[in-house]
Amino acid sequence: MPAYALAHLLNPQVNEEVLEYLEHIQATLDPHHGRFLVHGAEVDVKEGPWPGTVVVIEFPDLDAARAWYDSPAYQAILALRTDNIDGSAVIVEGVAPGYDPARTAAALRKRAG
């Protein structure tokens, strides 16, 4: 199943270190088959507060996403972002093809009842 690295960037600022990070991140993703799905897009907030922007990177699976984040190549540039932009980042596994949320609801009902 695919996995995703998501970042909620609260105060994205463009400076020399952030530009250097942007110039190098793709080279850290390529060995792990990561690709940007969302990057730098304007956020259309529908519910609740959402300061900043969001980044979504897709990987073939959870192992690839974790290996990318922990890789020496990514760790070497990570501070260029974290020292300049506040935010949160997570890695999460996607759902399998054919996922049905009604089945999840049924399982939750069964456990609760």
PDB file of N, CA and C in Angstrom:
ATOM      1  N   MET A   1       0.840  -1.181   0.000  1.00  0.00           N
ATOM      2  CA  MET A   1       0.000   0.000   0.000  1.00  0.00           C
ATOM      3  C   MET A   1       0.879   1.236   0.000  1.00  0.00           C
ATOM      4  N   PRO A   2       0.442   2.282  -0.647  1.00  0.00           N
ATOM      5  CA  PRO A   2       1.241   3.502  -0.625  1.00  0.00           C
ATOM      6  C   PRO A   2       1.275   4.093   0.778  1.00  0.00           C
ATOM      7  N   ALA A   3       2.270   4.909   1.007  1.00  0.00           N
ATOM      8  CA  ALA A   3       2.406   5.650   2.260  1.00  0.00           C
ATOM      9  C   ALA A   3       2.691   7.098   1.904  1.00  0.00           C
ATOM     10  N   TYR A   4       2.454   7.962   2.876  1.00  0.00           N
ATOM     11  CA  TYR A   4       2.555   9.390   2.618  1.00  0.00           C
ATOM     12  C   TYR A   4       3.320  10.086   3.733  1.00  0.00           C
ATOM     13  N   ALA A   5       4.148  11.014   3.343  1.00  0.00           N
ATOM     14  CA  ALA A   5       4.763  11.941   4.281  1.00  0.00           C
ATOM     15  C   ALA A   5       3.974  13.234   4.149  1.00  0.00           C
ATOM     16  N   LEU A   6       3.433  13.705   5.269  1.00  0.00           N
ATOM     17  CA  LEU A   6       2.646  14.932   5.275  1.00  0.00           C
ATOM     18  C   LEU A   6       3.306  15.944   6.196  1.00  0.00           C
ATOM     19  N   ALA A   7       3.348  17.170   5.760  1.00  0.00           N
ATOM     20  CA  ALA A   7       3.880  18.246   6.589  1.00  0.00           C
ATOM     21  C   ALA A   7       2.888  19.397   6.595  1.00  0.00           C
ATOM     22  N   HIS A   8       2.601  19.905   7.792  1.00  0.00           N
ATOM     23  CA  HIS A   8       1.812  21.125   7.946  1.00  0.00           C
ATOM     24  C   HIS A   8       2.810  22.212   8.313  1.00  0.00           C
ATOM     25  N   LEU A   9       3.073  23.071   7.350  1.00  0.00           N
ATOM     26  CA  LEU A   9       4.073  24.130   7.530  1.00  0.00           C
ATOM     27  C   LEU A   9       3.357  25.402   7.927  1.00  0.00           C
ATOM     28  N   LEU A  10       3.654  25.876   9.132  1.00  0.00           N
ATOM     29  CA  LEU A  10       2.895  26.975   9.712  1.00  0.00           C
ATOM     30  C   LEU A  10       3.282  28.349   9.186  1.00  0.00           C
ATOM     31  N   ASN A  11       4.539  28.566   8.972  1.00  0.00           N
ATOM     32  CA  ASN A  11       4.996  29.897   8.581  1.00  0.00           C
ATOM     33  C   ASN A  11       6.042  29.825   7.475  1.00  0.00           C
ATOM     34  N   PRO A  12       5.670  29.268   6.338  1.00  0.00           N
ATOM     35  CA  PRO A  12       6.684  29.108   5.295  1.00  0.00           C
ATOM     36  C   PRO A  12       7.284  30.450   4.878  1.00  0.00           C
ATOM     37  N   GLN A  13       8.572  30.514   4.977  1.00  0.00           N
ATOM     38  CA  GLN A  13       9.328  31.704   4.590  1.00  0.00           C
ATOM     39  C   GLN A  13      10.361  31.284   3.559  1.00  0.00           C
ATOM     40  N   VAL A  14      10.593  32.127   2.610  1.00  0.00           N
ATOM     41  CA  VAL A  14      11.621  31.836   1.613  1.00  0.00           C
ATOM     42  C   VAL A  14      12.885  32.587   2.001  1.00  0.00           C
ATOM     43  N   ASN A  15      13.949  31.834   2.207  1.00  0.00           N
ATOM     44  CA  ASN A  15      15.268  32.409   2.447  1.00  0.00           C
ATOM     45  C   ASN A  15      16.297  31.478   1.814  1.00  0.00           C
ATOM     46  N   GLU A  16      17.549  31.807   1.939  1.00  0.00           N
ATOM     47  CA  GLU A  16      18.591  31.038   1.257  1.00  0.00           C
ATOM     48  C   GLU A  16      18.618  29.574   1.697  1.00  0.00           C
ATOM     49  N   GLU A  17      18.442  29.305   2.994  1.00  0.00           N
ATOM     50  CA  GLU A  17      18.471  27.919   3.466  1.00  0.00           C
ATOM     51  C   GLU A  17      17.267  27.123   2.954  1.00  0.00           C
ATOM     52  N   VAL A  18      16.101  27.730   2.931  1.00  0.00           N
ATOM     53  CA  VAL A  18      14.914  27.046   2.418  1.00  0.00           C
ATOM     54  C   VAL A  18      15.077  26.773   0.923  1.00  0.00           C
ATOM     55  N   LEU A  19      15.631  27.727   0.198  1.00  0.00           N
ATOM     56  CA  LEU A  19      15.883  27.504  -1.229  1.00  0.00           C
ATOM     57  C   LEU A  19      16.858  26.349  -1.439  1.00  0.00           C
ATOM     58  N   GLU A  20      17.892  26.265  -0.610  1.00  0.00           N
ATOM     59  CA  GLU A  20      18.849  25.160  -0.711  1.00  0.00           C
ATOM     60  C   GLU A  20      18.152  23.822  -0.426  1.00  0.00           C
ATOM     61  N   TYR A  21      17.289  23.808   0.585  1.00  0.00           N
ATOM     62  CA  TYR A  21      16.507  22.605   0.901  1.00  0.00           C
ATOM     63  C   TYR A  21      15.683  22.180  -0.318  1.00  0.00           C
ATOM     64  N   LEU A  22      14.981  23.129  -0.917  1.00  0.00           N
ATOM     65  CA  LEU A  22      14.148  22.831  -2.089  1.00  0.00           C
ATOM     66  C   LEU A  22      14.976  22.326  -3.269  1.00  0.00           C
ATOM     67  N   GLU A  23      16.162  22.856  -3.413  1.00  0.00           N
ATOM     68  CA  GLU A  23      17.031  22.446  -4.518  1.00  0.00           C
ATOM     69  C   GLU A  23      17.539  21.009  -4.352  1.00  0.00           C
ATOM     70  N   HIS A  24      17.571  20.515  -3.114  1.00  0.00           N
ATOM     71  CA  HIS A  24      18.161  19.201  -2.855  1.00  0.00           C
ATOM     72  C   HIS A  24      17.168  18.104  -2.479  1.00  0.00           C
ATOM     73  N   ILE A  25      15.953  18.448  -2.122  1.00  0.00           N
ATOM     74  CA  ILE A  25      15.045  17.417  -1.600  1.00  0.00           C
ATOM     75  C   ILE A  25      14.712  16.338  -2.630  1.00  0.00           C
ATOM     76  N   GLN A  26      14.531  16.698  -3.882  1.00  0.00           N
ATOM     77  CA  GLN A  26      14.146  15.679  -4.872  1.00  0.00           C
ATOM     78  C   GLN A  26      15.201  14.587  -4.986  1.00  0.00           C
ATOM     79  N   ALA A  27      16.458  14.954  -4.891  1.00  0.00           N
ATOM     80  CA  ALA A  27      17.531  13.950  -4.955  1.00  0.00           C
ATOM     81  C   ALA A  27      17.452  12.980  -3.777  1.00  0.00           C
ATOM     82  N   THR A  28      16.898  13.426  -2.630  1.00  0.00           N
ATOM     83  CA  THR A  28      16.740  12.514  -1.487  1.00  0.00           C
ATOM     84  C   THR A  28      15.525  11.610  -1.668  1.00  0.00           C
ATOM     85  N   LEU A  29      14.531  12.076  -2.426  1.00  0.00           N
ATOM     86  CA  LEU A  29      13.317  11.290  -2.664  1.00  0.00           C
ATOM     87  C   LEU A  29      13.513  10.207  -3.721  1.00  0.00           C
ATOM     88  N   ASP A  30      14.281  10.519  -4.755  1.00  0.00           N
ATOM     89  CA  ASP A  30      14.413   9.625  -5.909  1.00  0.00           C
ATOM     90  C   ASP A  30      14.799   8.188  -5.550  1.00  0.00           C
ATOM     91  N   PRO A  31      15.796   7.949  -4.682  1.00  0.00           N
ATOM     92  CA  PRO A  31      16.152   6.555  -4.376  1.00  0.00           C
ATOM     93  C   PRO A  31      15.038   5.771  -3.676  1.00  0.00           C
ATOM     94  N   HIS A  32      14.069   6.492  -3.104  1.00  0.00           N
ATOM     95  CA  HIS A  32      12.984   5.861  -2.355  1.00  0.00           C
ATOM     96  C   HIS A  32      11.659   5.937  -3.111  1.00  0.00           C
ATOM     97  N   HIS A  33      11.736   6.387  -4.363  1.00  0.00           N
ATOM     98  CA  HIS A  33      10.570   6.483  -5.251  1.00  0.00           C
ATOM     99  C   HIS A  33       9.480   7.397  -4.686  1.00  0.00           C
ATOM    100  N   GLY A  34       9.935   8.459  -4.014  1.00  0.00           N
ATOM    101  CA  GLY A  34       8.998   9.441  -3.477  1.00  0.00           C
ATOM    102  C   GLY A  34       8.677  10.507  -4.516  1.00  0.00           C
ATOM    103  N   ARG A  35       7.420  10.989  -4.466  1.00  0.00           N
ATOM    104  CA  ARG A  35       7.045  12.058  -5.384  1.00  0.00           C
ATOM    105  C   ARG A  35       6.058  12.997  -4.702  1.00  0.00           C
ATOM    106  N   PHE A  36       6.225  14.265  -4.993  1.00  0.00           N
ATOM    107  CA  PHE A  36       5.326  15.265  -4.436  1.00  0.00           C
ATOM    108  C   PHE A  36       3.937  15.119  -5.044  1.00  0.00           C
ATOM    109  N   LEU A  37       2.911  15.104  -4.197  1.00  0.00           N
ATOM    110  CA  LEU A  37       1.526  15.176  -4.640  1.00  0.00           C
ATOM    111  C   LEU A  37       0.970  16.574  -4.406  1.00  0.00           C
ATOM    112  N   VAL A  38       1.403  17.208  -3.309  1.00  0.00           N
ATOM    113  CA  VAL A  38       0.991  18.569  -2.966  1.00  0.00           C
ATOM    114  C   VAL A  38       2.232  19.300  -2.460  1.00  0.00           C
ATOM    115  N   HIS A  39       2.468  20.496  -2.999  1.00  0.00           N
ATOM    116  CA  HIS A  39       3.626  21.274  -2.559  1.00  0.00           C
ATOM    117  C   HIS A  39       3.424  22.734  -2.936  1.00  0.00           C
ATOM    118  N   GLY A  40       3.298  23.565  -1.932  1.00  0.00           N
ATOM    119  CA  GLY A  40       3.201  24.996  -2.182  1.00  0.00           C
ATOM    120  C   GLY A  40       1.852  25.473  -2.679  1.00  0.00           C
ATOM    121  N   ALA A  41       0.845  24.617  -2.604  1.00  0.00           N
ATOM    122  CA  ALA A  41      -0.480  24.999  -3.092  1.00  0.00           C
ATOM    123  C   ALA A  41      -1.185  25.897  -2.077  1.00  0.00           C
ATOM    124  N   GLU A  42      -2.052  26.761  -2.573  1.00  0.00           N
ATOM    125  CA  GLU A  42      -2.880  27.565  -1.684  1.00  0.00           C
ATOM    126  C   GLU A  42      -3.900  26.654  -1.014  1.00  0.00           C
ATOM    127  N   VAL A  43      -4.093  26.834   0.285  1.00  0.00           N
ATOM    128  CA  VAL A  43      -5.003  25.995   1.059  1.00  0.00           C
ATOM    129  C   VAL A  43      -6.371  26.675   1.122  1.00  0.00           C
ATOM    130  N   ASP A  44      -7.401  25.955   0.746  1.00  0.00           N
ATOM    131  CA  ASP A  44      -8.784  26.440   0.828  1.00  0.00           C
ATOM    132  C   ASP A  44      -9.390  25.831   2.093  1.00  0.00           C
ATOM    133  N   VAL A  45      -9.346  26.566   3.186  1.00  0.00           N
ATOM    134  CA  VAL A  45      -9.775  26.057   4.488  1.00  0.00           C
ATOM    135  C   VAL A  45     -11.298  26.001   4.551  1.00  0.00           C
ATOM    136  N   LYS A  46     -11.827  24.820   4.836  1.00  0.00           N
ATOM    137  CA  LYS A  46     -13.270  24.616   4.928  1.00  0.00           C
ATOM    138  C   LYS A  46     -13.749  24.472   6.371  1.00  0.00           C
ATOM    139  N   GLU A  47     -12.895  23.960   7.247  1.00  0.00           N
ATOM    140  CA  GLU A  47     -13.269  23.769   8.646  1.00  0.00           C
ATOM    141  C   GLU A  47     -12.074  24.024   9.538  1.00  0.00           C
ATOM    142  N   GLY A  48     -12.280  24.718  10.623  1.00  0.00           N
ATOM    143  CA  GLY A  48     -11.256  24.932  11.632  1.00  0.00           C
ATOM    144  C   GLY A  48     -10.119  25.823  11.169  1.00  0.00           C
ATOM    145  N   PRO A  49      -9.242  26.125  12.089  1.00  0.00           N
ATOM    146  CA  PRO A  49      -8.078  26.959  11.744  1.00  0.00           C
ATOM    147  C   PRO A  49      -7.026  26.137  10.996  1.00  0.00           C
ATOM    148  N   TRP A  50      -6.395  26.725  10.037  1.00  0.00           N
ATOM    149  CA  TRP A  50      -5.324  26.054   9.309  1.00  0.00           C
ATOM    150  C   TRP A  50      -4.318  27.098   8.842  1.00  0.00           C
ATOM    151  N   PRO A  51      -3.474  27.536   9.747  1.00  0.00           N
ATOM    152  CA  PRO A  51      -2.439  28.479   9.310  1.00  0.00           C
ATOM    153  C   PRO A  51      -1.389  27.764   8.465  1.00  0.00           C
ATOM    154  N   GLY A  52      -0.880  28.436   7.476  1.00  0.00           N
ATOM    155  CA  GLY A  52       0.206  27.867   6.688  1.00  0.00           C
ATOM    156  C   GLY A  52      -0.254  27.071   5.494  1.00  0.00           C
ATOM    157  N   THR A  53       0.536  26.065   5.176  1.00  0.00           N
ATOM    158  CA  THR A  53       0.303  25.261   3.978  1.00  0.00           C
ATOM    159  C   THR A  53       0.572  23.795   4.294  1.00  0.00           C
ATOM    160  N   VAL A  54       0.391  22.949   3.309  1.00  0.00           N
ATOM    161  CA  VAL A  54       0.570  21.512   3.497  1.00  0.00           C
ATOM    162  C   VAL A  54       1.423  20.949   2.361  1.00  0.00           C
ATOM    163  N   VAL A  55       2.175  19.919   2.700  1.00  0.00           N
ATOM    164  CA  VAL A  55       2.978  19.186   1.720  1.00  0.00           C
ATOM    165  C   VAL A  55       2.606  17.715   1.840  1.00  0.00           C
ATOM    166  N   VAL A  56       2.411  17.054   0.703  1.00  0.00           N
ATOM    167  CA  VAL A  56       2.117  15.618   0.689  1.00  0.00           C
ATOM    168  C   VAL A  56       3.072  14.965  -0.300  1.00  0.00           C
ATOM    169  N   ILE A  57       3.800  13.958   0.181  1.00  0.00           N
ATOM    170  CA  ILE A  57       4.736  13.205  -0.646  1.00  0.00           C
ATOM    171  C   ILE A  57       4.305  11.747  -0.598  1.00  0.00           C
ATOM    172  N   GLU A  58       4.188  11.119  -1.758  1.00  0.00           N
ATOM    173  CA  GLU A  58       3.768   9.721  -1.841  1.00  0.00           C
ATOM    174  C   GLU A  58       4.978   8.814  -2.017  1.00  0.00           C
ATOM    175  N   PHE A  59       4.907   7.650  -1.358  1.00  0.00           N
ATOM    176  CA  PHE A  59       5.921   6.601  -1.473  1.00  0.00           C
ATOM    177  C   PHE A  59       5.226   5.291  -1.804  1.00  0.00           C
ATOM    178  N   PRO A  60       5.945   4.331  -2.363  1.00  0.00           N
ATOM    179  CA  PRO A  60       5.316   3.054  -2.698  1.00  0.00           C
ATOM    180  C   PRO A  60       4.791   2.297  -1.479  1.00  0.00           C
ATOM    181  N   ASP A  61       5.444   2.489  -0.320  1.00  0.00           N
ATOM    182  CA  ASP A  61       5.013   1.786   0.888  1.00  0.00           C
ATOM    183  C   ASP A  61       5.619   2.469   2.109  1.00  0.00           C
ATOM    184  N   LEU A  62       5.205   2.000   3.274  1.00  0.00           N
ATOM    185  CA  LEU A  62       5.632   2.583   4.546  1.00  0.00           C
ATOM    186  C   LEU A  62       7.142   2.460   4.745  1.00  0.00           C
ATOM    187  N   ASP A  63       7.704   1.324   4.375  1.00  0.00           N
ATOM    188  CA  ASP A  63       9.152   1.143   4.532  1.00  0.00           C
ATOM    189  C   ASP A  63       9.933   2.165   3.723  1.00  0.00           C
ATOM    190  N   ALA A  64       9.486   2.443   2.503  1.00  0.00           N
ATOM    191  CA  ALA A  64      10.177   3.421   1.660  1.00  0.00           C
ATOM    192  C   ALA A  64      10.081   4.824   2.264  1.00  0.00           C
ATOM    193  N   ALA A  65       8.924   5.174   2.789  1.00  0.00           N
ATOM    194  CA  ALA A  65       8.755   6.492   3.399  1.00  0.00           C
ATOM    195  C   ALA A  65       9.652   6.649   4.614  1.00  0.00           C
ATOM    196  N   ARG A  66       9.682   5.646   5.444  1.00  0.00           N
ATOM    197  CA  ARG A  66      10.537   5.703   6.647  1.00  0.00           C
ATOM    198  C   ARG A  66      12.018   5.726   6.261  1.00  0.00           C
ATOM    199  N   ALA A  67      12.389   4.924   5.275  1.00  0.00           N
ATOM    200  CA  ALA A  67      13.788   4.890   4.838  1.00  0.00           C
ATOM    201  C   ALA A  67      14.209   6.245   4.284  1.00  0.00           C
ATOM    202  N   TRP A  68      13.322   6.915   3.538  1.00  0.00           N
ATOM    203  CA  TRP A  68      13.638   8.256   3.035  1.00  0.00           C
ATOM    204  C   TRP A  68      13.881   9.213   4.186  1.00  0.00           C
ATOM    205  N   TYR A  69      12.940   9.289   5.133  1.00  0.00           N
ATOM    206  CA  TYR A  69      13.068  10.265   6.211  1.00  0.00           C
ATOM    207  C   TYR A  69      14.339  10.016   7.027  1.00  0.00           C
ATOM    208  N   ASP A  70      14.649   8.767   7.273  1.00  0.00           N
ATOM    209  CA  ASP A  70      15.819   8.420   8.085  1.00  0.00           C
ATOM    210  C   ASP A  70      17.123   8.402   7.296  1.00  0.00           C
ATOM    211  N   SER A  71      17.057   8.568   5.986  1.00  0.00           N
ATOM    212  CA  SER A  71      18.258   8.461   5.159  1.00  0.00           C
ATOM    213  C   SER A  71      19.266   9.554   5.491  1.00  0.00           C
ATOM    214  N   PRO A  72      20.550   9.234   5.402  1.00  0.00           N
ATOM    215  CA  PRO A  72      21.578  10.257   5.618  1.00  0.00           C
ATOM    216  C   PRO A  72      21.410  11.461   4.683  1.00  0.00           C
ATOM    217  N   ALA A  73      20.976  11.209   3.454  1.00  0.00           N
ATOM    218  CA  ALA A  73      20.808  12.314   2.489  1.00  0.00           C
ATOM    219  C   ALA A  73      19.739  13.289   2.958  1.00  0.00           C
ATOM    220  N   TYR A  74      18.590  12.784   3.430  1.00  0.00           N
ATOM    221  CA  TYR A  74      17.540  13.687   3.882  1.00  0.00           C
ATOM    222  C   TYR A  74      17.906  14.324   5.217  1.00  0.00           C
ATOM    223  N   GLN A  75      18.462  13.554   6.107  1.00  0.00           N
ATOM    224  CA  GLN A  75      18.856  14.112   7.400  1.00  0.00           C
ATOM    225  C   GLN A  75      19.882  15.238   7.244  1.00  0.00           C
ATOM    226  N   ALA A  76      20.698  15.147   6.199  1.00  0.00           N
ATOM    227  CA  ALA A  76      21.709  16.189   5.951  1.00  0.00           C
ATOM    228  C   ALA A  76      21.086  17.531   5.583  1.00  0.00           C
ATOM    229  N   ILE A  77      19.874  17.535   5.026  1.00  0.00           N
ATOM    230  CA  ILE A  77      19.249  18.812   4.632  1.00  0.00           C
ATOM    231  C   ILE A  77      18.067  19.195   5.514  1.00  0.00           C
ATOM    232  N   LEU A  78      17.610  18.314   6.374  1.00  0.00           N
ATOM    233  CA  LEU A  78      16.401  18.550   7.156  1.00  0.00           C
ATOM    234  C   LEU A  78      16.447  19.856   7.956  1.00  0.00           C
ATOM    235  N   ALA A  79      17.555  20.144   8.599  1.00  0.00           N
ATOM    236  CA  ALA A  79      17.649  21.362   9.419  1.00  0.00           C
ATOM    237  C   ALA A  79      17.482  22.636   8.594  1.00  0.00           C
ATOM    238  N   LEU A  80      17.756  22.558   7.301  1.00  0.00           N
ATOM    239  CA  LEU A  80      17.539  23.736   6.452  1.00  0.00           C
ATOM    240  C   LEU A  80      16.064  24.142   6.468  1.00  0.00           C
ATOM    241  N   ARG A  81      15.178  23.170   6.603  1.00  0.00           N
ATOM    242  CA  ARG A  81      13.750  23.460   6.714  1.00  0.00           C
ATOM    243  C   ARG A  81      13.338  23.705   8.153  1.00  0.00           C
ATOM    244  N   THR A  82      13.684  22.793   9.052  1.00  0.00           N
ATOM    245  CA  THR A  82      13.187  22.887  10.428  1.00  0.00           C
ATOM    246  C   THR A  82      13.741  24.095  11.177  1.00  0.00           C
ATOM    247  N   ASP A  83      14.901  24.577  10.803  1.00  0.00           N
ATOM    248  CA  ASP A  83      15.448  25.787  11.439  1.00  0.00           C
ATOM    249  C   ASP A  83      14.759  27.052  10.947  1.00  0.00           C
ATOM    250  N   ASN A  84      13.995  26.955   9.869  1.00  0.00           N
ATOM    251  CA  ASN A  84      13.410  28.141   9.250  1.00  0.00           C
ATOM    252  C   ASN A  84      11.891  28.123   9.137  1.00  0.00           C
ATOM    253  N   ILE A  85      11.273  26.955   9.261  1.00  0.00           N
ATOM    254  CA  ILE A  85       9.825  26.838   9.112  1.00  0.00           C
ATOM    255  C   ILE A  85       9.284  25.973  10.242  1.00  0.00           C
ATOM    256  N   ASP A  86       8.365  26.529  11.029  1.00  0.00           N
ATOM    257  CA  ASP A  86       7.704  25.749  12.074  1.00  0.00           C
ATOM    258  C   ASP A  86       6.651  24.853  11.447  1.00  0.00           C
ATOM    259  N   GLY A  87       6.439  23.711  12.049  1.00  0.00           N
ATOM    260  CA  GLY A  87       5.394  22.838  11.537  1.00  0.00           C
ATOM    261  C   GLY A  87       5.480  21.452  12.136  1.00  0.00           C
ATOM    262  N   SER A  88       4.660  20.579  11.598  1.00  0.00           N
ATOM    263  CA  SER A  88       4.610  19.187  12.014  1.00  0.00           C
ATOM    264  C   SER A  88       4.754  18.314  10.784  1.00  0.00           C
ATOM    265  N   ALA A  89       5.316  17.132  10.986  1.00  0.00           N
ATOM    266  CA  ALA A  89       5.460  16.177   9.880  1.00  0.00           C
ATOM    267  C   ALA A  89       5.112  14.787  10.393  1.00  0.00           C
ATOM    268  N   VAL A  90       4.415  14.019   9.562  1.00  0.00           N
ATOM    269  CA  VAL A  90       4.054  12.651   9.908  1.00  0.00           C
ATOM    270  C   VAL A  90       4.242  11.764   8.688  1.00  0.00           C
ATOM    271  N   ILE A  91       4.384  10.481   8.949  1.00  0.00           N
ATOM    272  CA  ILE A  91       4.376   9.468   7.899  1.00  0.00           C
ATOM    273  C   ILE A  91       3.212   8.549   8.216  1.00  0.00           C
ATOM    274  N   VAL A  92       2.382   8.280   7.217  1.00  0.00           N
ATOM    275  CA  VAL A  92       1.179   7.492   7.433  1.00  0.00           C
ATOM    276  C   VAL A  92       0.960   6.558   6.244  1.00  0.00           C
ATOM    277  N   GLU A  93       0.473   5.359   6.563  1.00  0.00           N
ATOM    278  CA  GLU A  93       0.178   4.391   5.514  1.00  0.00           C
ATOM    279  C   GLU A  93      -1.193   4.683   4.918  1.00  0.00           C
ATOM    280  N   GLY A  94      -1.307   4.523   3.617  1.00  0.00           N
ATOM    281  CA  GLY A  94      -2.583   4.715   2.938  1.00  0.00           C
ATOM    282  C   GLY A  94      -3.489   3.504   3.119  1.00  0.00           C
ATOM    283  N   VAL A  95      -4.624   3.545   2.475  1.00  0.00           N
ATOM    284  CA  VAL A  95      -5.562   2.419   2.537  1.00  0.00           C
ATOM    285  C   VAL A  95      -5.422   1.572   1.282  1.00  0.00           C
ATOM    286  N   ALA A  96      -5.838   0.319   1.407  1.00  0.00           N
ATOM    287  CA  ALA A  96      -5.753  -0.617   0.285  1.00  0.00           C
ATOM    288  C   ALA A  96      -6.787  -0.267  -0.778  1.00  0.00           C
ATOM    289  N   PRO A  97      -6.524  -0.652  -2.020  1.00  0.00           N
ATOM    290  CA  PRO A  97      -7.547  -0.469  -3.054  1.00  0.00           C
ATOM    291  C   PRO A  97      -8.842  -1.153  -2.625  1.00  0.00           C
ATOM    292  N   GLY A  98      -9.959  -0.522  -2.906  1.00  0.00           N
ATOM    293  CA  GLY A  98     -11.244  -1.088  -2.536  1.00  0.00           C
ATOM    294  C   GLY A  98     -11.648  -0.817  -1.098  1.00  0.00           C
ATOM    295  N   TYR A  99     -10.890   0.021  -0.398  1.00  0.00           N
ATOM    296  CA  TYR A  99     -11.229   0.355   0.986  1.00  0.00           C
ATOM    297  C   TYR A  99     -12.669   0.864   1.062  1.00  0.00           C
ATOM    298  N   ASP A 100     -13.411   0.376   2.044  1.00  0.00           N
ATOM    299  CA  ASP A 100     -14.806   0.775   2.237  1.00  0.00           C
ATOM    300  C   ASP A 100     -14.981   1.278   3.667  1.00  0.00           C
ATOM    301  N   PRO A 101     -15.196   2.572   3.857  1.00  0.00           N
ATOM    302  CA  PRO A 101     -15.350   3.101   5.212  1.00  0.00           C
ATOM    303  C   PRO A 101     -16.570   2.525   5.940  1.00  0.00           C
ATOM    304  N   ALA A 102     -17.576   2.061   5.206  1.00  0.00           N
ATOM    305  CA  ALA A 102     -18.730   1.445   5.855  1.00  0.00           C
ATOM    306  C   ALA A 102     -18.323   0.164   6.579  1.00  0.00           C
ATOM    307  N   ARG A 103     -17.364  -0.586   6.015  1.00  0.00           N
ATOM    308  CA  ARG A 103     -16.864  -1.788   6.702  1.00  0.00           C
ATOM    309  C   ARG A 103     -16.132  -1.408   7.984  1.00  0.00           C
ATOM    310  N   THR A 104     -15.397  -0.297   7.939  1.00  0.00           N
ATOM    311  CA  THR A 104     -14.724   0.180   9.145  1.00  0.00           C
ATOM    312  C   THR A 104     -15.766   0.548  10.198  1.00  0.00           C
ATOM    313  N   ALA A 105     -16.821   1.235   9.794  1.00  0.00           N
ATOM    314  CA  ALA A 105     -17.894   1.595  10.716  1.00  0.00           C
ATOM    315  C   ALA A 105     -18.518   0.349  11.334  1.00  0.00           C
ATOM    316  N   ALA A 106     -18.751  -0.679  10.514  1.00  0.00           N
ATOM    317  CA  ALA A 106     -19.350  -1.921  11.017  1.00  0.00           C
ATOM    318  C   ALA A 106     -18.446  -2.589  12.044  1.00  0.00           C
ATOM    319  N   ALA A 107     -17.154  -2.612  11.776  1.00  0.00           N
ATOM    320  CA  ALA A 107     -16.202  -3.210  12.725  1.00  0.00           C
ATOM    321  C   ALA A 107     -16.160  -2.413  14.024  1.00  0.00           C
ATOM    322  N   LEU A 108     -16.211  -1.102  13.922  1.00  0.00           N
ATOM    323  CA  LEU A 108     -16.216  -0.256  15.125  1.00  0.00           C
ATOM    324  C   LEU A 108     -17.498  -0.460  15.935  1.00  0.00           C
ATOM    325  N   ARG A 109     -18.632  -0.594  15.232  1.00  0.00           N
ATOM    326  CA  ARG A 109     -19.902  -0.858  15.924  1.00  0.00           C
ATOM    327  C   ARG A 109     -19.832  -2.199  16.676  1.00  0.00           C
ATOM    328  N   LYS A 110     -19.244  -3.186  16.018  1.00  0.00           N
ATOM    329  CA  LYS A 110     -19.157  -4.520  16.619  1.00  0.00           C
ATOM    330  C   LYS A 110     -18.307  -4.474  17.892  1.00  0.00           C
ATOM    331  N   ARG A 111     -17.170  -3.759  17.820  1.00  0.00           N
ATOM    332  CA  ARG A 111     -16.306  -3.633  18.991  1.00  0.00           C
ATOM    333  C   ARG A 111     -16.964  -2.850  20.121  1.00  0.00           C
ATOM    334  N   ALA A 112     -17.729  -1.819  19.780  1.00  0.00           N
ATOM    335  CA  ALA A 112     -18.357  -0.971  20.785  1.00  0.00           C
ATOM    336  C   ALA A 112     -19.562  -1.651  21.437  1.00  0.00           C
ATOM    337  N   GLY A 113     -20.192  -2.571  20.711  1.00  0.00           N
ATOM    338  CA  GLY A 113     -21.443  -3.167  21.177  1.00  0.00           C
ATOM    339  C   GLY A 113     -21.228  -4.402  21.931  1.00  0.00           C
TER     340      GLY A 113
END
